[in-house]
Structures are given as structure tokens and as C-alpha cells.
Amino acid sequence: MPENSVPGVFVKFDIEPILLTIAEEWSSIPALFIRLVNVISGVVVAGGWCFQISEWAREFYGRRSRRSSSFGMLTPSVEKKGGF
């Protein structure tokens, strides 16, 4: 063993370039229509989720503000005014 060599396990890789072929393909009109419908329906579903989350947050914070503003027995009662 020569004095200038370093002990260890060495692996040699031969790296070869990867061939990349770019091809432009046009899809048909029905395929375009199906993709557009998928995108629009995805936007509608995501909008529905956002609406539901905002309604839940509004309800949650509404309850929280009502709870913090009420003082139990010290809260003045509101009397109904009516002819009955």
C-alpha cells in the first residue's frame, strides 16, 4: 500500500447526459372543455370552503363577543313593547 493513499471505500460513477425531448402537442376541443370545467369546478369548491370557514369564524367570534359582553344578572333586560 502506498504511503500517500487514503484508506476508505471509493465508488466511481460514470455520469452520462440525459436526453430531453420537448414536444408540443395540441389537445382536442373536448379535452380543452373538460380541463376548463375542472378548473372552474375546483375554484367553486375552494370558494365554498372559504365561505364555510368564514361563516364558522364569524359565528365563533360572534359567540365570543356576546359572552364577553354579558354580565349575567347585571345585564339589563329588554322589554317588548306591543299592543298584546
PDB file of N, CA and C in Angstrom:
ATOM      1  N   MET A   1       0.845  -1.168   0.000  1.00  0.00           N
ATOM      2  CA  MET A   1       0.000   0.000   0.000  1.00  0.00           C
ATOM      3  C   MET A   1       0.895   1.237   0.000  1.00  0.00           C
ATOM      4  N   PRO A   2       0.638   2.147  -0.936  1.00  0.00           N
ATOM      5  CA  PRO A   2       1.469   3.343  -0.989  1.00  0.00           C
ATOM      6  C   PRO A   2       1.185   4.263   0.199  1.00  0.00           C
ATOM      7  N   GLU A   3       2.166   5.079   0.557  1.00  0.00           N
ATOM      8  CA  GLU A   3       2.043   5.952   1.721  1.00  0.00           C
ATOM      9  C   GLU A   3       1.112   7.137   1.488  1.00  0.00           C
ATOM     10  N   ASN A   4       0.892   7.572   0.259  1.00  0.00           N
ATOM     11  CA  ASN A   4       0.081   8.751   0.005  1.00  0.00           C
ATOM     12  C   ASN A   4      -1.400   8.421  -0.240  1.00  0.00           C
ATOM     13  N   SER A   5      -1.828   7.165  -0.137  1.00  0.00           N
ATOM     14  CA  SER A   5      -3.234   6.802  -0.356  1.00  0.00           C
ATOM     15  C   SER A   5      -4.022   6.918   0.950  1.00  0.00           C
ATOM     16  N   VAL A   6      -5.277   7.212   0.801  1.00  0.00           N
ATOM     17  CA  VAL A   6      -6.170   7.379   1.950  1.00  0.00           C
ATOM     18  C   VAL A   6      -7.019   6.121   2.065  1.00  0.00           C
ATOM     19  N   PRO A   7      -7.143   5.560   3.254  1.00  0.00           N
ATOM     20  CA  PRO A   7      -7.962   4.356   3.384  1.00  0.00           C
ATOM     21  C   PRO A   7      -9.454   4.706   3.240  1.00  0.00           C
ATOM     22  N   GLY A   8     -10.232   3.815   2.684  1.00  0.00           N
ATOM     23  CA  GLY A   8     -11.662   4.030   2.532  1.00  0.00           C
ATOM     24  C   GLY A   8     -12.220   3.231   1.378  1.00  0.00           C
ATOM     25  N   VAL A   9     -13.518   3.339   1.218  1.00  0.00           N
ATOM     26  CA  VAL A   9     -14.202   2.683   0.115  1.00  0.00           C
ATOM     27  C   VAL A   9     -14.588   3.771  -0.869  1.00  0.00           C
ATOM     28  N   PHE A  10     -14.154   3.622  -2.098  1.00  0.00           N
ATOM     29  CA  PHE A  10     -14.409   4.632  -3.111  1.00  0.00           C
ATOM     30  C   PHE A  10     -15.257   4.027  -4.215  1.00  0.00           C
ATOM     31  N   VAL A  11     -16.226   4.819  -4.684  1.00  0.00           N
ATOM     32  CA  VAL A  11     -17.104   4.373  -5.761  1.00  0.00           C
ATOM     33  C   VAL A  11     -16.987   5.381  -6.890  1.00  0.00           C
ATOM     34  N   LYS A  12     -16.806   4.872  -8.094  1.00  0.00           N
ATOM     35  CA  LYS A  12     -16.689   5.756  -9.249  1.00  0.00           C
ATOM     36  C   LYS A  12     -17.966   5.629 -10.079  1.00  0.00           C
ATOM     37  N   PHE A  13     -18.573   6.791 -10.375  1.00  0.00           N
ATOM     38  CA  PHE A  13     -19.777   6.830 -11.193  1.00  0.00           C
ATOM     39  C   PHE A  13     -19.448   7.418 -12.546  1.00  0.00           C
ATOM     40  N   ASP A  14     -19.983   6.828 -13.578  1.00  0.00           N
ATOM     41  CA  ASP A  14     -19.908   7.410 -14.913  1.00  0.00           C
ATOM     42  C   ASP A  14     -21.227   8.141 -15.147  1.00  0.00           C
ATOM     43  N   ILE A  15     -21.168   9.456 -15.178  1.00  0.00           N
ATOM     44  CA  ILE A  15     -22.376  10.256 -15.354  1.00  0.00           C
ATOM     45  C   ILE A  15     -22.537  10.537 -16.838  1.00  0.00           C
ATOM     46  N   GLU A  16     -23.689  10.132 -17.356  1.00  0.00           N
ATOM     47  CA  GLU A  16     -23.982  10.355 -18.755  1.00  0.00           C
ATOM     48  C   GLU A  16     -25.113  11.366 -18.863  1.00  0.00           C
ATOM     49  N   PRO A  17     -25.093  12.179 -19.886  1.00  0.00           N
ATOM     50  CA  PRO A  17     -26.169  13.158 -20.028  1.00  0.00           C
ATOM     51  C   PRO A  17     -27.508  12.484 -20.320  1.00  0.00           C
ATOM     52  N   ILE A  18     -28.572  13.119 -19.843  1.00  0.00           N
ATOM     53  CA  ILE A  18     -29.920  12.612 -20.070  1.00  0.00           C
ATOM     54  C   ILE A  18     -30.491  13.335 -21.288  1.00  0.00           C
ATOM     55  N   LEU A  19     -31.078  12.580 -22.182  1.00  0.00           N
ATOM     56  CA  LEU A  19     -31.670  13.154 -23.379  1.00  0.00           C
ATOM     57  C   LEU A  19     -33.062  13.672 -23.039  1.00  0.00           C
ATOM     58  N   LEU A  20     -33.302  14.940 -23.298  1.00  0.00           N
ATOM     59  CA  LEU A  20     -34.594  15.557 -23.026  1.00  0.00           C
ATOM     60  C   LEU A  20     -35.208  15.979 -24.346  1.00  0.00           C
ATOM     61  N   THR A  21     -36.361  15.427 -24.617  1.00  0.00           N
ATOM     62  CA  THR A  21     -37.066  15.767 -25.842  1.00  0.00           C
ATOM     63  C   THR A  21     -38.301  16.573 -25.494  1.00  0.00           C
ATOM     64  N   ILE A  22     -38.421  17.757 -26.068  1.00  0.00           N
ATOM     65  CA  ILE A  22     -39.579  18.611 -25.825  1.00  0.00           C
ATOM     66  C   ILE A  22     -40.450  18.565 -27.067  1.00  0.00           C
ATOM     67  N   ALA A  23     -41.685  18.156 -26.866  1.00  0.00           N
ATOM     68  CA  ALA A  23     -42.625  18.066 -27.983  1.00  0.00           C
ATOM     69  C   ALA A  23     -43.886  18.831 -27.619  1.00  0.00           C
ATOM     70  N   GLU A  24     -44.359  19.663 -28.512  1.00  0.00           N
ATOM     71  CA  GLU A  24     -45.584  20.414 -28.287  1.00  0.00           C
ATOM     72  C   GLU A  24     -46.728  19.671 -28.946  1.00  0.00           C
ATOM     73  N   GLU A  25     -47.724  19.341 -28.136  1.00  0.00           N
ATOM     74  CA  GLU A  25     -48.878  18.610 -28.653  1.00  0.00           C
ATOM     75  C   GLU A  25     -50.137  19.418 -28.377  1.00  0.00           C
ATOM     76  N   TRP A  26     -50.991  19.500 -29.340  1.00  0.00           N
ATOM     77  CA  TRP A  26     -52.262  20.201 -29.193  1.00  0.00           C
ATOM     78  C   TRP A  26     -53.335  19.177 -28.856  1.00  0.00           C
ATOM     79  N   SER A  27     -54.131  19.487 -27.837  1.00  0.00           N
ATOM     80  CA  SER A  27     -55.224  18.588 -27.494  1.00  0.00           C
ATOM     81  C   SER A  27     -56.486  19.036 -28.225  1.00  0.00           C
ATOM     82  N   SER A  28     -57.474  18.189 -28.183  1.00  0.00           N
ATOM     83  CA  SER A  28     -58.707  18.471 -28.910  1.00  0.00           C
ATOM     84  C   SER A  28     -59.585  19.468 -28.157  1.00  0.00           C
ATOM     85  N   ILE A  29     -60.614  19.965 -28.800  1.00  0.00           N
ATOM     86  CA  ILE A  29     -61.552  20.922 -28.199  1.00  0.00           C
ATOM     87  C   ILE A  29     -62.299  20.298 -27.017  1.00  0.00           C
ATOM     88  N   PRO A  30     -62.791  19.053 -27.112  1.00  0.00           N
ATOM     89  CA  PRO A  30     -63.445  18.464 -25.926  1.00  0.00           C
ATOM     90  C   PRO A  30     -62.492  18.337 -24.731  1.00  0.00           C
ATOM     91  N   ALA A  31     -61.230  18.025 -24.977  1.00  0.00           N
ATOM     92  CA  ALA A  31     -60.270  17.926 -23.871  1.00  0.00           C
ATOM     93  C   ALA A  31     -60.058  19.294 -23.230  1.00  0.00           C
ATOM     94  N   LEU A  32     -60.008  20.348 -24.046  1.00  0.00           N
ATOM     95  CA  LEU A  32     -59.899  21.701 -23.511  1.00  0.00           C
ATOM     96  C   LEU A  32     -61.118  22.057 -22.677  1.00  0.00           C
ATOM     97  N   PHE A  33     -62.309  21.707 -23.175  1.00  0.00           N
ATOM     98  CA  PHE A  33     -63.549  21.975 -22.447  1.00  0.00           C
ATOM     99  C   PHE A  33     -63.557  21.247 -21.102  1.00  0.00           C
ATOM    100  N   ILE A  34     -63.123  19.998 -21.086  1.00  0.00           N
ATOM    101  CA  ILE A  34     -63.085  19.216 -19.836  1.00  0.00           C
ATOM    102  C   ILE A  34     -62.104  19.852 -18.848  1.00  0.00           C
ATOM    103  N   ARG A  35     -60.963  20.302 -19.324  1.00  0.00           N
ATOM    104  CA  ARG A  35     -59.997  20.956 -18.431  1.00  0.00           C
ATOM    105  C   ARG A  35     -60.549  22.254 -17.866  1.00  0.00           C
ATOM    106  N   LEU A  36     -61.235  23.035 -18.707  1.00  0.00           N
ATOM    107  CA  LEU A  36     -61.838  24.284 -18.223  1.00  0.00           C
ATOM    108  C   LEU A  36     -62.903  24.014 -17.172  1.00  0.00           C
ATOM    109  N   VAL A  37     -63.739  22.999 -17.399  1.00  0.00           N
ATOM    110  CA  VAL A  37     -64.768  22.647 -16.419  1.00  0.00           C
ATOM    111  C   VAL A  37     -64.118  22.207 -15.112  1.00  0.00           C
ATOM    112  N   ASN A  38     -63.038  21.450 -15.197  1.00  0.00           N
ATOM    113  CA  ASN A  38     -62.341  21.009 -13.978  1.00  0.00           C
ATOM    114  C   ASN A  38     -61.778  22.198 -13.201  1.00  0.00           C
ATOM    115  N   VAL A  39     -61.189  23.150 -13.902  1.00  0.00           N
ATOM    116  CA  VAL A  39     -60.624  24.322 -13.225  1.00  0.00           C
ATOM    117  C   VAL A  39     -61.732  25.151 -12.580  1.00  0.00           C
ATOM    118  N   ILE A  40     -62.820  25.387 -13.313  1.00  0.00           N
ATOM    119  CA  ILE A  40     -63.913  26.198 -12.776  1.00  0.00           C
ATOM    120  C   ILE A  40     -64.558  25.508 -11.580  1.00  0.00           C
ATOM    121  N   SER A  41     -64.773  24.198 -11.655  1.00  0.00           N
ATOM    122  CA  SER A  41     -65.378  23.491 -10.525  1.00  0.00           C
ATOM    123  C   SER A  41     -64.440  23.485  -9.322  1.00  0.00           C
ATOM    124  N   GLY A  42     -63.133  23.411  -9.555  1.00  0.00           N
ATOM    125  CA  GLY A  42     -62.185  23.492  -8.439  1.00  0.00           C
ATOM    126  C   GLY A  42     -62.228  24.844  -7.754  1.00  0.00           C
ATOM    127  N   VAL A  43     -62.365  25.912  -8.548  1.00  0.00           N
ATOM    128  CA  VAL A  43     -62.472  27.251  -7.967  1.00  0.00           C
ATOM    129  C   VAL A  43     -63.765  27.385  -7.167  1.00  0.00           C
ATOM    130  N   VAL A  44     -64.861  26.814  -7.676  1.00  0.00           N
ATOM    131  CA  VAL A  44     -66.141  26.873  -6.957  1.00  0.00           C
ATOM    132  C   VAL A  44     -66.053  26.112  -5.637  1.00  0.00           C
ATOM    133  N   VAL A  45     -65.445  24.941  -5.654  1.00  0.00           N
ATOM    134  CA  VAL A  45     -65.309  24.148  -4.425  1.00  0.00           C
ATOM    135  C   VAL A  45     -64.438  24.879  -3.408  1.00  0.00           C
ATOM    136  N   ALA A  46     -63.309  25.419  -3.857  1.00  0.00           N
ATOM    137  CA  ALA A  46     -62.431  26.161  -2.940  1.00  0.00           C
ATOM    138  C   ALA A  46     -63.140  27.390  -2.394  1.00  0.00           C
ATOM    139  N   GLY A  47     -63.925  28.071  -3.223  1.00  0.00           N
ATOM    140  CA  GLY A  47     -64.695  29.221  -2.744  1.00  0.00           C
ATOM    141  C   GLY A  47     -65.728  28.817  -1.709  1.00  0.00           C
ATOM    142  N   GLY A  48     -66.362  27.664  -1.907  1.00  0.00           N
ATOM    143  CA  GLY A  48     -67.320  27.155  -0.919  1.00  0.00           C
ATOM    144  C   GLY A  48     -66.655  26.861   0.411  1.00  0.00           C
ATOM    145  N   TRP A  49     -65.471  26.280   0.344  1.00  0.00           N
ATOM    146  CA  TRP A  49     -64.734  26.015   1.590  1.00  0.00           C
ATOM    147  C   TRP A  49     -64.372  27.308   2.299  1.00  0.00           C
ATOM    148  N   CYS A  50     -63.904  28.282   1.534  1.00  0.00           N
ATOM    149  CA  CYS A  50     -63.547  29.572   2.145  1.00  0.00           C
ATOM    150  C   CYS A  50     -64.776  30.229   2.768  1.00  0.00           C
ATOM    151  N   PHE A  51     -65.918  30.140   2.087  1.00  0.00           N
ATOM    152  CA  PHE A  51     -67.148  30.715   2.618  1.00  0.00           C
ATOM    153  C   PHE A  51     -67.550  30.018   3.912  1.00  0.00           C
ATOM    154  N   GLN A  52     -67.482  28.681   3.940  1.00  0.00           N
ATOM    155  CA  GLN A  52     -67.836  27.940   5.147  1.00  0.00           C
ATOM    156  C   GLN A  52     -66.903  28.281   6.306  1.00  0.00           C
ATOM    157  N   ILE A  53     -65.623  28.401   6.028  1.00  0.00           N
ATOM    158  CA  ILE A  53     -64.665  28.748   7.085  1.00  0.00           C
ATOM    159  C   ILE A  53     -64.933  30.157   7.598  1.00  0.00           C
ATOM    160  N   SER A  54     -65.246  31.091   6.683  1.00  0.00           N
ATOM    161  CA  SER A  54     -65.523  32.462   7.134  1.00  0.00           C
ATOM    162  C   SER A  54     -66.808  32.520   7.944  1.00  0.00           C
ATOM    163  N   GLU A  55     -67.837  31.751   7.560  1.00  0.00           N
ATOM    164  CA  GLU A  55     -69.073  31.716   8.344  1.00  0.00           C
ATOM    165  C   GLU A  55     -68.819  31.113   9.725  1.00  0.00           C
ATOM    166  N   TRP A  56     -68.007  30.071   9.774  1.00  0.00           N
ATOM    167  CA  TRP A  56     -67.694  29.454  11.060  1.00  0.00           C
ATOM    168  C   TRP A  56     -66.937  30.452  11.945  1.00  0.00           C
ATOM    169  N   ALA A  57     -65.978  31.159  11.361  1.00  0.00           N
ATOM    170  CA  ALA A  57     -65.198  32.133  12.142  1.00  0.00           C
ATOM    171  C   ALA A  57     -66.092  33.269  12.614  1.00  0.00           C
ATOM    172  N   ARG A  58     -67.006  33.731  11.755  1.00  0.00           N
ATOM    173  CA  ARG A  58     -67.922  34.804  12.144  1.00  0.00           C
ATOM    174  C   ARG A  58     -68.821  34.352  13.298  1.00  0.00           C
ATOM    175  N   GLU A  59     -69.314  33.107  13.211  1.00  0.00           N
ATOM    176  CA  GLU A  59     -70.162  32.579  14.283  1.00  0.00           C
ATOM    177  C   GLU A  59     -69.365  32.409  15.571  1.00  0.00           C
ATOM    178  N   PHE A  60     -68.151  31.915  15.457  1.00  0.00           N
ATOM    179  CA  PHE A  60     -67.304  31.691  16.629  1.00  0.00           C
ATOM    180  C   PHE A  60     -66.988  33.010  17.327  1.00  0.00           C
ATOM    181  N   TYR A  61     -66.556  34.010  16.558  1.00  0.00           N
ATOM    182  CA  TYR A  61     -66.219  35.295  17.169  1.00  0.00           C
ATOM    183  C   TYR A  61     -67.458  36.041  17.624  1.00  0.00           C
ATOM    184  N   GLY A  62     -68.608  35.799  16.993  1.00  0.00           N
ATOM    185  CA  GLY A  62     -69.863  36.399  17.445  1.00  0.00           C
ATOM    186  C   GLY A  62     -70.259  35.860  18.804  1.00  0.00           C
ATOM    187  N   ARG A  63     -70.141  34.558  18.994  1.00  0.00           N
ATOM    188  CA  ARG A  63     -70.433  33.966  20.308  1.00  0.00           C
ATOM    189  C   ARG A  63     -69.473  34.502  21.357  1.00  0.00           C
ATOM    190  N   ARG A  64     -68.214  34.619  20.967  1.00  0.00           N
ATOM    191  CA  ARG A  64     -67.193  35.070  21.910  1.00  0.00           C
ATOM    192  C   ARG A  64     -67.468  36.501  22.367  1.00  0.00           C
ATOM    193  N   SER A  65     -67.865  37.374  21.447  1.00  0.00           N
ATOM    194  CA  SER A  65     -68.123  38.762  21.822  1.00  0.00           C
ATOM    195  C   SER A  65     -69.404  38.871  22.645  1.00  0.00           C
ATOM    196  N   ARG A  66     -70.409  38.047  22.335  1.00  0.00           N
ATOM    197  CA  ARG A  66     -71.629  38.057  23.156  1.00  0.00           C
ATOM    198  C   ARG A  66     -71.338  37.573  24.570  1.00  0.00           C
ATOM    199  N   ARG A  67     -70.499  36.553  24.687  1.00  0.00           N
ATOM    200  CA  ARG A  67     -70.183  36.011  26.001  1.00  0.00           C
ATOM    201  C   ARG A  67     -69.395  37.018  26.837  1.00  0.00           C
ATOM    202  N   SER A  68     -68.484  37.746  26.222  1.00  0.00           N
ATOM    203  CA  SER A  68     -67.677  38.687  26.990  1.00  0.00           C
ATOM    204  C   SER A  68     -68.453  39.958  27.313  1.00  0.00           C
ATOM    205  N   SER A  69     -69.517  40.269  26.541  1.00  0.00           N
ATOM    206  CA  SER A  69     -70.265  41.481  26.812  1.00  0.00           C
ATOM    207  C   SER A  69     -71.416  41.259  27.783  1.00  0.00           C
ATOM    208  N   SER A  70     -71.765  40.027  28.099  1.00  0.00           N
ATOM    209  CA  SER A  70     -72.861  39.788  29.041  1.00  0.00           C
ATOM    210  C   SER A  70     -72.302  39.643  30.454  1.00  0.00           C
ATOM    211  N   PHE A  71     -73.055  40.156  31.413  1.00  0.00           N
ATOM    212  CA  PHE A  71     -72.612  40.112  32.804  1.00  0.00           C
ATOM    213  C   PHE A  71     -73.581  39.319  33.677  1.00  0.00           C
ATOM    214  N   GLY A  72     -74.347  38.424  33.076  1.00  0.00           N
ATOM    215  CA  GLY A  72     -75.239  37.574  33.855  1.00  0.00           C
ATOM    216  C   GLY A  72     -76.433  38.343  34.376  1.00  0.00           C
ATOM    217  N   MET A  73     -76.597  38.397  35.704  1.00  0.00           N
ATOM    218  CA  MET A  73     -77.756  39.029  36.335  1.00  0.00           C
ATOM    219  C   MET A  73     -77.706  40.547  36.201  1.00  0.00           C
ATOM    220  N   LEU A  74     -76.560  41.116  35.960  1.00  0.00           N
ATOM    221  CA  LEU A  74     -76.446  42.560  35.880  1.00  0.00           C
ATOM    222  C   LEU A  74     -76.800  43.106  34.499  1.00  0.00           C
ATOM    223  N   THR A  75     -77.052  42.210  33.554  1.00  0.00           N
ATOM    224  CA  THR A  75     -77.388  42.659  32.214  1.00  0.00           C
ATOM    225  C   THR A  75     -78.819  43.186  32.211  1.00  0.00           C
ATOM    226  N   PRO A  76     -79.056  44.393  31.721  1.00  0.00           N
ATOM    227  CA  PRO A  76     -80.419  44.919  31.702  1.00  0.00           C
ATOM    228  C   PRO A  76     -81.283  44.128  30.739  1.00  0.00           C
ATOM    229  N   SER A  77     -82.503  43.858  31.140  1.00  0.00           N
ATOM    230  CA  SER A  77     -83.402  43.102  30.290  1.00  0.00           C
ATOM    231  C   SER A  77     -84.122  44.053  29.347  1.00  0.00           C
ATOM    232  N   VAL A  78     -84.417  43.555  28.180  1.00  0.00           N
ATOM    233  CA  VAL A  78     -85.108  44.357  27.174  1.00  0.00           C
ATOM    234  C   VAL A  78     -86.561  43.955  27.190  1.00  0.00           C
ATOM    235  N   GLU A  79     -87.457  44.931  27.404  1.00  0.00           N
ATOM    236  CA  GLU A  79     -88.886  44.630  27.451  1.00  0.00           C
ATOM    237  C   GLU A  79     -89.465  44.829  26.061  1.00  0.00           C
ATOM    238  N   LYS A  80     -90.420  43.942  25.733  1.00  0.00           N
ATOM    239  CA  LYS A  80     -91.093  44.049  24.456  1.00  0.00           C
ATOM    240  C   LYS A  80     -92.177  45.105  24.565  1.00  0.00           C
ATOM    241  N   LYS A  81     -92.277  45.928  23.577  1.00  0.00           N
ATOM    242  CA  LYS A  81     -93.361  46.909  23.534  1.00  0.00           C
ATOM    243  C   LYS A  81     -94.326  46.466  22.453  1.00  0.00           C
ATOM    244  N   GLY A  82     -95.520  46.199  22.846  1.00  0.00           N
ATOM    245  CA  GLY A  82     -96.505  45.763  21.878  1.00  0.00           C
ATOM    246  C   GLY A  82     -97.910  45.944  22.436  1.00  0.00           C
ATOM    247  N   GLY A  83     -98.876  45.826  21.567  1.00  0.00           N
ATOM    248  CA  GLY A  83    -100.243  46.017  21.987  1.00  0.00           C
ATOM    249  C   GLY A  83    -100.884  44.781  22.552  1.00  0.00           C
ATOM    250  N   PHE A  84    -100.226  43.690  22.584  1.00  0.00           N
ATOM    251  CA  PHE A  84    -100.832  42.447  23.068  1.00  0.00           C
ATOM    252  C   PHE A  84    -100.623  42.254  24.528  1.00  0.00           C
TER     253      PHE A  84
END
